[in-house]
Protein backbone atom coordinates (compact mmCIF):
# COMPACT_ATOMS: atom_id res chain seq x y z
CA MET A 1 89.22 93.56 97.38
CA LYS A 2 88.17 97.30 96.61
CA VAL A 3 89.29 100.33 98.43
CA GLN A 4 89.21 103.29 97.88
CA VAL A 5 93.13 103.91 98.59
CA GLY A 6 95.88 101.71 98.48
CA ILE A 7 99.37 102.45 100.03
CA ILE A 8 102.25 100.33 99.03
CA GLY A 9 104.72 100.95 102.14
CA GLY A 10 104.14 101.00 106.53
CA GLY A 11 106.30 103.27 107.69
CA PRO A 12 104.77 106.24 109.52
CA SER A 13 103.92 108.36 105.79
CA GLY A 14 101.83 105.04 105.99
CA LEU A 15 100.86 105.03 108.51
CA LEU A 16 99.54 108.44 108.77
CA LEU A 17 98.11 108.54 105.72
CA SER A 18 95.42 106.07 105.94
CA GLN A 19 94.87 106.72 109.97
CA LEU A 20 93.94 111.34 108.59
CA LEU A 21 92.05 109.60 105.63
CA HIS A 22 89.85 106.56 108.00
CA LEU A 23 88.63 109.98 109.70
CA LYS A 24 87.30 111.46 106.79
CA GLY A 25 85.83 108.51 105.96
CA ILE A 26 88.12 107.04 103.41
CA ASP A 27 88.65 103.09 103.37
CA THR A 28 92.26 102.39 102.92
CA ILE A 29 95.12 99.01 102.85
CA VAL A 30 98.27 99.41 103.79
CA LEU A 31 100.91 96.68 102.29
CA GLU A 32 104.47 96.91 104.11
CA LYS A 33 107.13 94.49 102.51
CA HIS A 34 108.71 93.65 106.79
CA SER A 35 107.34 93.24 109.86
CA ARG A 36 105.77 95.20 112.63
CA GLU A 37 108.84 94.82 114.68
CA HIS A 38 110.77 95.54 111.82
CA VAL A 39 109.40 99.05 111.57
CA LEU A 40 109.57 99.93 114.52
CA GLY A 41 113.33 97.75 114.75
CA ARG A 42 114.13 101.51 113.30
CA ILE A 43 115.75 104.51 114.68
CA ARG A 44 115.12 107.79 112.54
CA ALA A 45 114.85 111.42 113.25
CA GLY A 46 112.76 112.70 115.90
CA VAL A 47 112.52 116.63 115.65
CA LEU A 48 108.70 116.72 114.19
CA GLU A 49 108.08 120.74 112.36
CA HIS A 50 105.34 122.49 114.29
CA GLY A 51 102.85 121.95 111.33
CA PHE A 52 104.00 117.81 111.45
CA ALA A 53 102.86 117.38 115.58
CA ASP A 54 99.67 119.39 114.48
CA LEU A 55 99.04 116.91 111.55
CA MET A 56 99.33 114.36 114.44
CA ARG A 57 96.89 115.76 116.44
CA GLU A 58 94.44 116.18 113.71
CA ALA A 59 94.53 112.37 113.21
CA GLU A 60 94.14 111.76 116.86
CA CYS A 61 97.48 110.01 117.17
CA GLY A 62 99.08 113.04 119.13
CA ALA A 63 98.46 112.92 123.25
CA ARG A 64 101.10 110.65 123.66
CA MET A 65 103.14 113.50 121.86
CA ASP A 66 102.13 115.83 123.95
CA ARG A 67 102.43 114.40 126.90
CA GLU A 68 106.73 112.05 127.38
CA GLY A 69 107.75 114.63 123.45
CA GLU A 70 109.71 118.06 124.82
CA ILE A 71 109.01 121.44 123.07
CA HIS A 72 112.23 123.01 122.02
CA THR A 73 112.38 127.04 121.49
CA GLY A 74 116.06 126.80 120.53
CA LEU A 75 119.23 125.16 119.47
CA TYR A 76 122.95 125.88 119.93
CA ILE A 77 125.58 125.67 116.68
CA ALA A 78 129.32 124.52 117.82
CA HIS A 79 132.39 125.86 116.03
CA ASP A 80 135.55 127.06 117.48
CA GLY A 81 135.26 126.41 121.40
CA ILE A 82 131.89 128.16 121.93
CA ARG A 83 128.14 127.25 121.90
CA GLU A 84 125.75 129.75 119.84
CA ARG A 85 122.71 129.71 120.89
CA ILE A 86 119.51 130.38 118.03
CA ASP A 87 116.25 131.24 119.41
CA LEU A 88 113.54 129.57 117.02
CA ALA A 89 110.94 130.90 118.79
CA LYS A 90 112.13 134.81 118.97
CA TYR A 91 112.82 134.80 115.08
CA SER A 92 109.87 132.25 113.95
CA GLY A 93 107.00 133.74 115.43
CA GLY A 94 106.74 132.19 118.13
CA ASN A 95 107.59 128.91 116.74
CA SER A 96 109.40 125.53 117.81
CA VAL A 97 109.97 122.25 117.23
CA MET A 98 108.78 119.13 119.02
CA VAL A 99 111.65 116.10 119.70
CA TYR A 100 109.34 112.41 119.30
CA GLY A 101 111.26 110.16 118.59
CA GLN A 102 110.32 108.76 115.00
CA THR A 103 110.13 104.94 116.42
CA GLU A 104 107.21 106.21 119.57
CA LEU A 105 105.59 108.29 116.88
CA THR A 106 104.85 105.11 114.22
CA ARG A 107 103.98 103.00 117.52
CA ASP A 108 101.22 105.67 118.24
CA LEU A 109 99.77 105.69 114.55
CA TYR A 110 99.90 101.47 114.85
CA GLU A 111 98.37 101.56 117.96
CA ALA A 112 95.11 104.16 116.13
CA ARG A 113 94.93 102.00 112.99
CA ASP A 114 94.77 98.98 115.06
CA LYS A 115 91.79 101.00 117.20
CA ALA A 116 89.76 100.91 114.41
CA GLY A 117 90.06 98.54 112.37
CA GLY A 118 92.62 99.48 110.00
CA ILE A 119 93.70 96.93 107.09
CA VAL A 120 97.68 96.92 107.63
CA ILE A 121 99.18 93.45 106.22
CA HIS A 122 102.81 93.00 107.16
CA ASN A 123 105.07 90.33 105.02
CA ALA A 124 103.41 91.46 101.63
CA GLY A 125 106.53 89.59 99.43
CA ASP A 126 106.36 91.38 95.39
CA VAL A 127 104.49 94.01 95.97
CA GLN A 128 103.77 95.67 92.94
CA PRO A 129 101.70 98.51 91.52
CA HIS A 130 98.67 98.10 88.11
CA GLY A 131 96.90 99.88 85.72
CA ILE A 132 98.69 103.29 87.11
CA GLU A 133 98.08 104.92 83.79
CA THR A 134 94.23 103.72 83.73
CA ASP A 135 90.69 105.10 85.81
CA ALA A 136 91.15 101.26 87.13
CA PRO A 137 94.67 100.63 88.68
CA TYR A 138 94.71 98.04 91.53
CA LEU A 139 98.03 95.92 93.50
CA THR A 140 99.23 92.26 94.10
CA TRP A 141 100.85 91.17 96.50
CA ARG A 142 102.12 88.08 97.76
CA GLU A 143 101.15 86.85 101.38
CA ASP A 144 102.33 83.30 103.05
CA GLY A 145 102.70 81.85 99.83
CA VAL A 146 99.26 83.11 98.18
CA GLU A 147 99.03 85.92 95.29
CA ARG A 148 96.23 88.68 96.43
CA ARG A 149 95.09 91.72 94.46
CA ALA A 150 93.40 94.63 95.33
CA ASP A 151 91.66 97.46 93.75
CA CYS A 152 91.73 100.64 93.93
CA GLU A 153 90.94 104.04 92.75
CA PHE A 154 94.25 105.67 93.40
CA ILE A 155 97.63 103.93 94.32
CA ILE A 156 99.84 105.89 97.62
CA GLY A 157 104.07 105.07 96.53
CA ALA A 158 104.82 105.69 100.62
CA ASP A 159 107.23 103.00 100.09
CA GLY A 160 111.01 104.46 100.62
CA PHE A 161 114.46 104.80 98.35
CA HIS A 162 114.41 101.06 96.95
CA GLY A 163 110.79 100.74 97.19
CA VAL A 164 108.47 100.02 93.54
CA SER A 165 106.60 103.04 93.19
CA ARG A 166 109.06 104.97 92.18
CA LYS A 167 110.38 102.29 89.61
CA SER A 168 107.17 101.64 88.27
CA ILE A 169 106.95 104.87 86.41
CA PRO A 170 108.22 105.27 82.85
CA ARG A 171 112.01 105.78 82.93
CA GLY A 172 111.14 108.27 79.36
CA VAL A 173 108.80 110.41 82.58
CA LEU A 174 110.89 110.46 85.58
CA ARG A 175 113.27 112.37 86.01
CA GLU A 176 115.97 112.34 88.96
CA TYR A 177 118.51 114.51 90.44
CA GLU A 178 120.57 114.10 93.04
CA ARG A 179 124.03 114.15 95.28
CA VAL A 180 126.19 112.05 97.14
CA TYR A 181 128.62 113.58 100.18
CA PRO A 182 131.64 111.74 100.79
CA PHE A 183 131.16 110.70 104.60
CA GLY A 184 128.33 109.55 106.46
CA TRP A 185 127.14 109.33 109.95
CA LEU A 186 127.57 107.25 112.77
CA GLY A 187 124.77 107.52 115.02
CA VAL A 188 125.24 106.18 118.50
CA LEU A 189 121.75 105.75 120.92
CA SER A 190 122.95 105.64 124.74
CA ARG A 191 120.54 105.40 127.99
CA THR A 192 122.50 108.16 129.36
CA ARG A 193 121.09 112.03 130.58
CA PRO A 194 121.25 114.11 127.13
CA VAL A 195 124.53 116.72 127.56
CA SER A 196 121.98 119.80 126.79
CA PRO A 197 118.35 120.43 126.86
CA GLU A 198 118.45 121.55 123.30
CA LEU A 199 120.31 120.03 120.34
CA ILE A 200 123.81 120.53 119.93
CA TYR A 201 125.15 121.50 116.14
CA ALA A 202 128.82 121.53 116.10
CA ARG A 203 131.81 122.34 112.73
CA HIS A 204 135.30 121.07 113.42
CA ASP A 205 137.80 120.46 111.58
CA ARG A 206 137.81 116.88 112.46
CA GLY A 207 134.67 116.69 111.22
CA PHE A 208 130.99 117.44 111.86
CA ALA A 209 129.37 116.25 115.44
CA LEU A 210 125.49 116.48 116.62
CA CYS A 211 124.31 115.89 120.43
CA SER A 212 120.50 115.41 120.15
CA LEU A 213 118.08 113.04 122.62
CA ARG A 214 114.83 111.06 122.40
CA SER A 215 114.47 111.30 126.36
CA GLN A 216 115.60 112.89 129.63
CA VAL A 217 116.81 109.91 129.87
CA LEU A 218 117.70 108.95 126.02
CA SER A 219 120.65 110.38 124.05
CA ARG A 220 121.54 110.34 120.81
CA TYR A 221 124.91 111.41 119.23
CA TYR A 222 126.15 111.73 116.10
CA ILE A 223 129.96 112.11 113.84
CA GLN A 224 130.96 112.50 111.04
CA VAL A 225 132.81 109.16 109.44
CA PRO A 226 134.67 108.53 106.08
CA LEU A 227 131.77 105.98 103.67
CA SER A 228 135.14 103.42 103.68
CA ASP A 229 134.63 103.33 107.87
CA ARG A 230 132.54 100.17 109.09
CA VAL A 231 130.29 100.09 112.38
CA GLU A 232 132.47 97.53 114.54
CA ASP A 233 135.91 99.90 113.07
CA TRP A 234 134.25 102.23 116.22
CA SER A 235 134.30 100.85 119.62
CA ASP A 236 131.29 102.81 122.46
CA ASP A 237 134.92 104.33 123.90
CA ALA A 238 136.71 105.56 120.51
CA PHE A 239 133.57 107.02 119.94
CA TRP A 240 132.82 108.57 123.14
CA ASP A 241 136.51 109.42 122.49
CA GLU A 242 136.35 111.55 119.26
CA LEU A 243 132.74 112.99 119.75
CA ARG A 244 134.97 114.67 123.01
CA ARG A 245 137.18 116.11 120.95
CA ARG A 246 134.85 117.63 118.54
CA LEU A 247 132.72 119.09 121.15
CA PRO A 248 133.61 123.00 123.18
CA GLN A 249 135.36 122.02 126.38
CA ASP A 250 132.78 123.01 128.45
CA VAL A 251 130.28 119.96 126.93
CA ALA A 252 132.84 117.98 126.76
CA GLU A 253 133.15 117.33 130.31
CA ALA A 254 129.90 117.48 131.19
CA LEU A 255 129.23 114.28 128.55
CA ILE A 256 127.59 111.41 130.48
CA THR A 257 128.29 108.14 128.44
CA GLY A 258 127.26 104.96 128.66
CA PRO A 259 127.35 101.49 126.10
CA SER A 260 125.80 101.42 123.18
CA ILE A 261 121.93 100.63 122.55
CA GLU A 262 121.92 100.83 119.27
CA LYS A 263 125.14 101.86 115.84
CA SER A 264 124.66 102.18 112.85
CA ILE A 265 126.51 104.68 109.99
CA ALA A 266 124.37 106.18 107.42
CA PRO A 267 125.70 107.38 104.18
CA LEU A 268 124.38 110.63 103.37
CA ARG A 269 123.01 111.78 100.19
CA SER A 270 120.82 114.44 98.84
CA PHE A 271 117.97 113.43 95.96
CA VAL A 272 114.54 114.59 94.01
CA ALA A 273 112.60 112.76 92.33
CA GLU A 274 110.37 114.31 89.33
CA PRO A 275 106.82 113.84 88.93
CA MET A 276 105.69 112.80 92.28
CA ARG A 277 102.40 111.82 90.36
CA HIS A 278 101.79 109.44 87.54
CA GLY A 279 98.72 108.53 86.62
CA ARG A 280 96.46 106.63 89.94
CA LEU A 281 100.59 106.84 91.29
CA PHE A 282 101.32 109.57 93.80
CA LEU A 283 104.83 109.26 95.78
CA ALA A 284 105.60 110.85 98.62
CA GLY A 285 108.01 110.66 101.18
CA ASP A 286 111.44 108.37 100.71
CA ALA A 287 110.29 107.55 97.60
CA ALA A 288 110.25 111.06 96.28
CA HIS A 289 113.34 112.45 97.44
CA ILE A 290 115.82 111.86 100.01
CA VAL A 291 117.82 115.17 102.51
CA PRO A 292 120.96 114.54 104.58
CA PRO A 293 120.08 114.44 108.12
CA THR A 294 121.24 117.26 108.73
CA GLY A 295 118.15 119.84 108.39
CA ALA A 296 116.45 117.48 110.54
CA ARG A 297 114.11 117.99 107.03
CA GLY A 298 113.43 113.85 106.05
CA LEU A 299 110.52 112.91 108.17
CA ASN A 300 109.11 116.51 108.01
CA SER A 301 109.23 116.35 103.92
CA ALA A 302 106.68 113.66 103.92
CA ALA A 303 104.59 114.68 106.42
CA SER A 304 104.41 118.14 104.35
CA ASP A 305 103.52 115.34 101.15
CA ILE A 306 101.30 113.39 103.62
CA TYR A 307 99.07 117.10 104.56
CA TYR A 308 99.30 117.88 100.45
CA LEU A 309 98.08 114.47 99.40
CA TYR A 310 95.02 114.11 102.28
CA HIS A 311 93.31 117.35 101.44
CA ALA A 312 94.13 116.74 97.91
CA LEU A 313 91.95 113.15 98.70
CA VAL A 314 89.68 114.63 100.59
CA ASP A 315 88.43 117.42 98.36
CA HIS A 316 88.31 114.54 95.84
CA TYR A 317 85.73 111.91 97.67
CA HIS A 318 83.78 115.10 99.57
CA ASN A 319 83.94 118.19 97.08
CA SER A 320 84.02 115.96 93.52
CA ASP A 321 87.19 119.26 93.34
CA ASP A 322 90.34 117.19 91.93
CA ILE A 323 92.79 120.02 91.82
CA GLY A 324 93.67 119.50 95.05
CA LEU A 325 95.05 115.88 93.00
CA GLU A 326 95.70 117.42 89.77
CA THR A 327 98.37 119.84 91.16
CA TYR A 328 99.35 117.44 94.08
CA SER A 329 103.49 117.06 92.00
CA GLN A 330 104.07 121.10 91.94
CA ARG A 331 102.85 122.35 95.44
CA ALA A 332 104.90 118.94 97.50
CA LEU A 333 107.39 119.90 95.32
CA ALA A 334 107.74 123.16 95.58
CA ARG A 335 107.92 123.21 99.66
CA ILE A 336 110.34 119.71 98.86
CA TRP A 337 113.10 122.08 97.08
CA LYS A 338 113.62 124.44 99.79
CA ALA A 339 113.54 121.52 102.46
CA GLN A 340 116.35 119.92 100.05
CA ARG A 341 118.21 123.40 99.98
CA PHE A 342 118.03 124.03 103.37
CA SER A 343 119.25 121.54 104.39
CA TRP A 344 122.13 121.28 101.81
CA TRP A 345 123.06 124.64 103.09
CA MET A 346 123.08 123.25 106.39
CA THR A 347 125.24 120.17 105.24
CA MET A 348 127.65 122.65 103.31
CA LEU A 349 127.93 124.81 106.57
CA LEU A 350 129.06 122.21 109.26
CA HIS A 351 130.97 119.70 108.05
CA THR A 352 134.24 118.62 106.65
CA PHE A 353 134.85 118.26 102.98
CA PRO A 354 137.90 116.51 102.44
CA ASP A 355 138.34 118.08 99.07
CA ALA A 356 137.35 121.42 100.49
CA ILE A 357 141.08 124.39 99.28
CA PRO A 358 141.35 127.07 102.42
CA TYR A 359 138.84 128.96 100.52
CA ASP A 360 136.55 126.90 100.59
CA ARG A 361 136.79 126.84 104.77
CA ARG A 362 137.22 130.68 104.90
CA LEU A 363 133.75 131.19 103.19
CA GLN A 364 132.21 128.41 105.45
CA ARG A 365 133.53 130.44 108.61
CA THR A 366 132.31 133.05 107.08
CA GLU A 367 129.11 131.91 106.56
CA LEU A 368 129.12 131.12 109.71
CA GLU A 369 130.08 134.51 111.54
CA TYR A 370 127.61 136.18 109.14
CA LEU A 371 124.77 133.24 110.49
CA PHE A 372 125.26 135.27 114.45
CA SER A 373 125.94 138.38 113.26
CA SER A 374 122.56 139.20 111.74
CA ASP A 375 118.97 138.85 113.12
CA MET A 376 117.36 137.63 109.57
CA ALA A 377 119.81 135.68 108.50
CA LYS A 378 118.95 133.56 112.18
CA GLY A 379 115.26 134.03 111.10
CA SER A 380 115.60 132.92 107.57
CA PHE A 381 117.56 129.76 110.11
CA ALA A 382 115.12 129.74 112.28
CA GLU A 383 111.60 130.16 109.93
CA ASN A 384 113.17 126.46 107.81
CA TYR A 385 113.71 124.94 111.06
CA VAL A 386 111.03 124.77 112.99
CA GLY A 387 109.48 124.20 109.88
CA LEU A 388 107.52 126.60 106.54
CA PRO A 389 103.92 127.07 105.80
CA PHE A 390 102.23 123.85 103.55
């Protein structure tokens, strides 16, 4: 098999790139080691930058998002028993975010690839890129016990933090930067009406909490927990009780609870790999960078990679212009590090650190006081939250 672009990873990043390139007449193959059911079963981020929403529309996959997603023009930060709102639209020049679950977004992308007859191979075992330092790279994988091969002109590694793509870059070339945080997020998905029409980020001495949503009948809540905790340690009742303790009284009293549909604990990590290109291999999304979910940058950072790759590949094939490919790593990393900064800052601002000294805690409170006392500080927050320009 011969294709122009081989994509490792059938999550939203790989599917979005495949769909965008298809619309420009560039053929792709997507290899995903898991089943489609497994990919669609992952509960992940649901806050899309306005630029990401535009990219979904450009991919002709935004119709259901526009019908069912919710446009949010603001959010709340709760602290010391009160809630304070940041008007995202006011402080970002009229921009907003779209609340639309990753599962639904991925389903829309699958449907588009199916309709177009796109090649998406699931349960692809032992995927390996070859010849990435040559002009003739190729992919191999096992399918139904038989080894397959696809010759490509470029390989995109969108296979996540634990995937093979980043590991294919020589250790002497790759540089990795990482910070692992001493806590995780316990998340609960429930079929209940959200407690607030806009997200509430809560700082509390007992730990961080977040009130989020997927729709008007589906809520997503999180609390900060030690890394030593297990899901089995937390009954639904214990979770709801602890969440109430961390919210302002009026919010806690309005909280509607119910059985959890999904419950999981995610550790928090900041991670960046440089460079994001080696030869004919290009990294995208979690294969190259991870952010704590505090700033809602994870899926959005992956989308910015896809934006740069999409335009670079179109320029290569349509205009014989390779500047976008040659500068991809530098351009992508410039935006990624800004997303890293914002996610790190929000994590430091809103979480309780077990080794914090009184000075740290007082500085944290001062940072919050400054945020709500300065229009320029709120402007910086809003600009980053709705998404910096590509």
